[in-house]
Structure formats: structure tokens, C-alpha cells
Amino acid sequence: MTHWKEQHQAIKDLMDYLDKTIPTLTEDKTAGSVFMGATALYRCNRLLRAIDTAVESGLGDTAGGNMRTLYDTWVFGHLLMLGDIQDAVATWGMTREQAGKMLRAMGVEDKVQYPDEAPDAIQDIGTQQRAVALGKKLKDDDPENANIPEHCYDFVFRSESHFGTHVNLDVLSLYVVQAGEMDGTIGIHGANQGC
């Protein structure tokens, strides 16, 4: 990549700026959806910093889980920020459904009390459906970028599922260096280049 040093410095400067600026937002000065969207951006920034540190340390092959989580948070935060009150209530219901699964597994579901205004739990739509929903929201306001959520789902989220997050033989083969037709050693294939 040409001019990587300058591009990397610009990324670092942006991360530093976001780390300083986002915590100055307060809930009483902005809409709740904007506040939660900014919170998602803050989390994305932290994940991006972790990915950057891994790559700079020569551990780019370990960054897949953070990449998936960054994408998931980015879509979720945009939907919160661009949605209306009904969207926020539905999101709360989906969150409650996910929490309910965990609480049932722990055997403590009956011990958790939700506020009266909390919506009933509803089925979560999942990451792909969120990407489609975000693309639809962007079609009117930002048609040039409306395809980005689904494109990133297909080429970032899904590929990181296969090559970085879920263990399978393709993932493990990245850690085998061929030393002959029927011989190999364990190590980083290609010296971790291109991660």
C-alpha cells in the first residue's frame, strides 16, 4: 500500500480525537438515539484500536474476532441513531430476548425485574437483517453508501467468520508452513503478511 505511514497516522489521529471527543457528549444534551449511537462509535473506536495494535504487533491473524464485533457494533449503532422511537423499543425488546436466553441458561430468569416501560422480549433479527435494514434506511439520505452495510457483511463479517473467528481446517492451515511435499512445520504462514 502506498503512503501507508501517512494513512496510518491519519487513522491514529482520528482514534485519538474520538477517544477525547465522544466522552464529552452527555445524555442530557442530545437525543437518546444519538447518545447511544455515539456510544456505539466509541466502542467501535476501541475495537479499531485493538485491531491496529494487533496488526502493528505482527498479530494481525488474531484480529478477526474484533473485526466482526466492530462491524456488528457499527451497524447496530447506526440503526439506533437513524431509527425512531419504535425502532428503539424494538431493539430493546430484541436485547431483552437475548438476555433472556442467557438468564434461562443460568437459571435466574425469574429473579430479574425489568422496569414497567420495558417492552416484551421479541425475536432478534440478526446481523445480516440489520445490515439490510441499515441499507434501506440509507437509500434516501445517502444512496451512494447505501450498499456498504451489506457489502461489509458479505466481505468482512462473513469472511472473518470463516477465516478468523470460527475454528476450521482453513483457519488452522494458515498456521502450517510447508517444508516439503509431505512435511510441514507449525508457524505463521507467510510471516503474517497481508493480515
Protein backbone atom coordinates (compact mmCIF):
# COMPACT_ATOMS: atom_id res chain seq x y z
CA MET A 1 0.00 0.00 0.00
CA THR A 2 1.43 3.36 -0.97
CA HIS A 3 1.67 6.15 1.59
CA TRP A 4 0.70 3.76 4.40
CA LYS A 5 2.65 5.69 7.03
CA GLU A 6 0.66 8.87 6.40
CA GLN A 7 -2.66 6.98 6.17
CA HIS A 8 -1.90 5.11 9.38
CA GLN A 9 -1.10 8.36 11.17
CA ALA A 10 -4.43 9.81 10.00
CA ILE A 11 -6.21 6.75 11.43
CA LYS A 12 -4.37 7.14 14.74
CA ASP A 13 -5.22 10.85 14.86
CA LEU A 14 -8.89 10.04 14.26
CA MET A 15 -8.86 7.40 17.01
CA ASP A 16 -7.27 9.87 19.43
CA TYR A 17 -9.81 12.55 18.50
CA LEU A 18 -12.74 10.18 19.05
CA ASP A 19 -11.34 8.98 22.38
CA LYS A 20 -11.22 12.60 23.59
CA THR A 21 -14.41 13.93 22.00
CA ILE A 22 -17.05 11.23 22.43
CA PRO A 23 -16.90 11.14 26.26
CA THR A 24 -17.78 14.86 26.29
CA LEU A 25 -21.27 14.06 24.95
CA THR A 26 -23.84 13.85 27.71
CA GLU A 27 -27.25 12.27 27.66
CA ASP A 28 -28.97 15.46 28.76
CA LYS A 29 -27.56 17.46 25.81
CA THR A 30 -28.58 15.17 22.93
CA ALA A 31 -31.29 12.77 21.82
CA GLY A 32 -31.11 9.31 23.35
CA SER A 33 -30.67 7.68 19.93
CA VAL A 34 -27.73 9.97 19.13
CA PHE A 35 -26.19 9.33 22.56
CA MET A 36 -26.42 5.54 22.11
CA GLY A 37 -25.14 5.82 18.53
CA ALA A 38 -22.15 7.79 19.83
CA THR A 39 -21.64 5.11 22.48
CA ALA A 40 -21.51 2.51 19.70
CA LEU A 41 -18.98 4.67 17.82
CA TYR A 42 -16.85 4.84 20.98
CA ARG A 43 -16.91 1.04 21.21
CA CYS A 44 -16.02 0.80 17.50
CA ASN A 45 -13.07 3.09 18.14
CA ARG A 46 -11.83 0.90 20.99
CA LEU A 47 -12.12 -2.20 18.80
CA LEU A 48 -10.32 -0.44 15.93
CA ARG A 49 -7.51 0.45 18.34
CA ALA A 50 -7.25 -3.22 19.39
CA ILE A 51 -7.12 -4.31 15.73
CA ASP A 52 -4.47 -1.70 14.95
CA THR A 53 -2.36 -2.81 17.93
CA ALA A 54 -2.62 -6.46 16.88
CA VAL A 55 -1.56 -5.71 13.30
CA GLU A 56 1.27 -3.40 14.36
CA SER A 57 2.50 -6.11 16.75
CA GLY A 58 2.57 -8.71 13.98
CA LEU A 59 -0.55 -10.45 15.32
CA GLY A 60 -2.97 -9.47 12.56
CA ASP A 61 -4.18 -13.05 12.28
CA THR A 62 -5.80 -12.67 15.71
CA ALA A 63 -7.81 -9.57 14.81
CA GLY A 64 -10.80 -11.35 13.21
CA GLY A 65 -12.99 -11.51 16.31
CA ASN A 66 -12.57 -7.80 16.93
CA MET A 67 -13.27 -7.07 13.26
CA ARG A 68 -16.58 -8.93 13.40
CA THR A 69 -17.54 -7.20 16.64
CA LEU A 70 -16.57 -3.79 15.23
CA TYR A 71 -18.80 -4.35 12.19
CA ASP A 72 -21.71 -5.61 14.31
CA THR A 73 -21.42 -2.59 16.62
CA TRP A 74 -21.14 -0.18 13.68
CA VAL A 75 -24.38 -1.45 12.10
CA PHE A 76 -26.20 -1.59 15.45
CA GLY A 77 -25.15 1.95 16.37
CA HIS A 78 -26.20 3.38 13.01
CA LEU A 79 -29.60 1.74 13.27
CA LEU A 80 -30.07 3.23 16.73
CA MET A 81 -29.01 6.69 15.57
CA LEU A 82 -31.12 6.68 12.38
CA GLY A 83 -34.17 5.00 13.86
CA ASP A 84 -37.27 6.38 15.51
CA ILE A 85 -38.76 5.58 18.92
CA GLN A 86 -40.48 2.43 17.63
CA ASP A 87 -37.13 1.16 16.32
CA ALA A 88 -35.52 1.83 19.70
CA VAL A 89 -38.30 -0.03 21.54
CA ALA A 90 -37.95 -2.99 19.15
CA THR A 91 -34.18 -3.01 19.69
CA TRP A 92 -34.74 -3.04 23.45
CA GLY A 93 -37.12 -5.98 23.02
CA MET A 94 -34.53 -7.88 20.96
CA THR A 95 -31.87 -7.14 23.57
CA ARG A 96 -34.24 -8.42 26.24
CA GLU A 97 -34.81 -11.62 24.27
CA GLN A 98 -31.04 -12.21 24.02
CA ALA A 99 -30.61 -11.51 27.73
CA GLY A 100 -33.47 -13.89 28.48
CA LYS A 101 -31.60 -16.75 26.78
CA MET A 102 -28.59 -16.15 28.98
CA LEU A 103 -30.67 -15.79 32.15
CA ARG A 104 -32.57 -19.03 31.39
CA ALA A 105 -29.26 -20.85 30.89
CA MET A 106 -28.11 -19.55 34.28
CA GLY A 107 -31.42 -20.49 35.91
CA VAL A 108 -32.06 -16.95 37.21
CA GLU A 109 -34.66 -15.66 34.73
CA ASP A 110 -37.33 -15.20 37.44
CA LYS A 111 -35.02 -13.10 39.60
CA VAL A 112 -34.59 -10.24 37.09
CA GLN A 113 -37.08 -7.38 37.32
CA TYR A 114 -37.48 -5.09 34.31
CA PRO A 115 -38.93 -1.58 34.54
CA ASP A 116 -42.63 -1.26 33.71
CA GLU A 117 -41.86 0.60 30.48
CA ALA A 118 -39.67 -2.24 29.20
CA PRO A 119 -41.12 -3.89 26.07
CA ASP A 120 -41.76 -7.60 25.91
CA ALA A 121 -38.94 -9.71 24.53
CA ILE A 122 -39.07 -10.20 20.75
CA GLN A 123 -37.04 -12.35 18.35
CA ASP A 124 -33.70 -10.78 17.39
CA ILE A 125 -33.31 -10.18 13.64
CA GLY A 126 -29.58 -10.97 13.49
CA THR A 127 -26.62 -9.22 11.90
CA GLN A 128 -27.48 -9.81 8.24
CA GLN A 129 -31.02 -8.48 8.67
CA ARG A 130 -29.62 -5.46 10.50
CA ALA A 131 -27.29 -4.79 7.55
CA VAL A 132 -30.24 -4.97 5.13
CA ALA A 133 -32.32 -2.66 7.38
CA LEU A 134 -29.48 -0.12 7.57
CA GLY A 135 -29.04 -0.22 3.78
CA LYS A 136 -32.75 0.56 3.37
CA LYS A 137 -32.51 3.49 5.81
CA LEU A 138 -29.52 4.90 3.90
CA LYS A 139 -31.17 4.68 0.45
CA ASP A 140 -32.96 8.00 0.89
CA ASP A 141 -30.38 10.04 2.80
CA ASP A 142 -27.13 8.57 1.48
CA PRO A 143 -27.79 6.49 -1.66
CA GLU A 144 -24.10 6.42 -2.67
CA ASN A 145 -23.24 4.50 0.51
CA ALA A 146 -26.45 2.51 0.99
CA ASN A 147 -24.79 -0.72 -0.18
CA ILE A 148 -21.90 -0.53 2.32
CA PRO A 149 -23.62 -2.37 5.23
CA GLU A 150 -24.47 -5.43 3.11
CA HIS A 151 -21.16 -5.31 1.21
CA CYS A 152 -19.25 -5.32 4.50
CA TYR A 153 -21.46 -8.10 5.83
CA ASP A 154 -20.55 -10.26 2.82
CA PHE A 155 -16.86 -9.40 2.61
CA VAL A 156 -15.85 -8.55 6.19
CA PHE A 157 -18.23 -10.15 8.68
CA ARG A 158 -18.74 -13.43 6.77
CA SER A 159 -15.12 -13.84 5.70
CA GLU A 160 -13.91 -13.18 9.24
CA SER A 161 -16.37 -15.83 10.42
CA HIS A 162 -14.64 -18.33 8.18
CA PHE A 163 -11.03 -17.19 8.31
CA GLY A 164 -10.59 -15.55 11.68
CA THR A 165 -13.27 -16.28 14.22
CA HIS A 166 -14.64 -19.79 13.82
CA VAL A 167 -12.10 -22.54 14.02
CA ASN A 168 -11.94 -24.83 10.98
CA LEU A 169 -9.27 -26.50 8.87
CA ASP A 170 -8.87 -23.44 6.62
CA VAL A 171 -8.03 -21.33 9.68
CA LEU A 172 -5.62 -23.90 11.07
CA SER A 173 -3.89 -24.29 7.70
CA LEU A 174 -2.83 -20.65 7.96
CA TYR A 175 -0.51 -21.83 10.74
CA VAL A 176 1.24 -24.56 8.77
CA VAL A 177 4.38 -23.79 6.78
CA GLN A 178 5.04 -26.39 4.10
CA ALA A 179 8.55 -27.76 4.29
CA GLY A 180 8.16 -30.34 1.56
CA GLU A 181 5.52 -32.42 -0.16
CA MET A 182 4.66 -34.43 2.95
CA ASP A 183 6.26 -32.28 5.63
CA GLY A 184 5.48 -29.03 7.36
CA THR A 185 6.12 -27.04 10.48
CA ILE A 186 3.80 -25.08 12.68
CA GLY A 187 4.14 -21.32 12.46
CA ILE A 188 2.70 -18.27 10.77
CA HIS A 189 2.31 -18.94 7.06
CA GLY A 190 3.68 -16.03 5.03
CA ALA A 191 5.08 -14.36 8.17
CA ASN A 192 1.64 -12.91 8.90
CA GLN A 193 1.84 -10.62 5.88
CA GLY A 194 -1.33 -9.30 4.34
CA CYS A 195 -3.42 -9.57 7.52
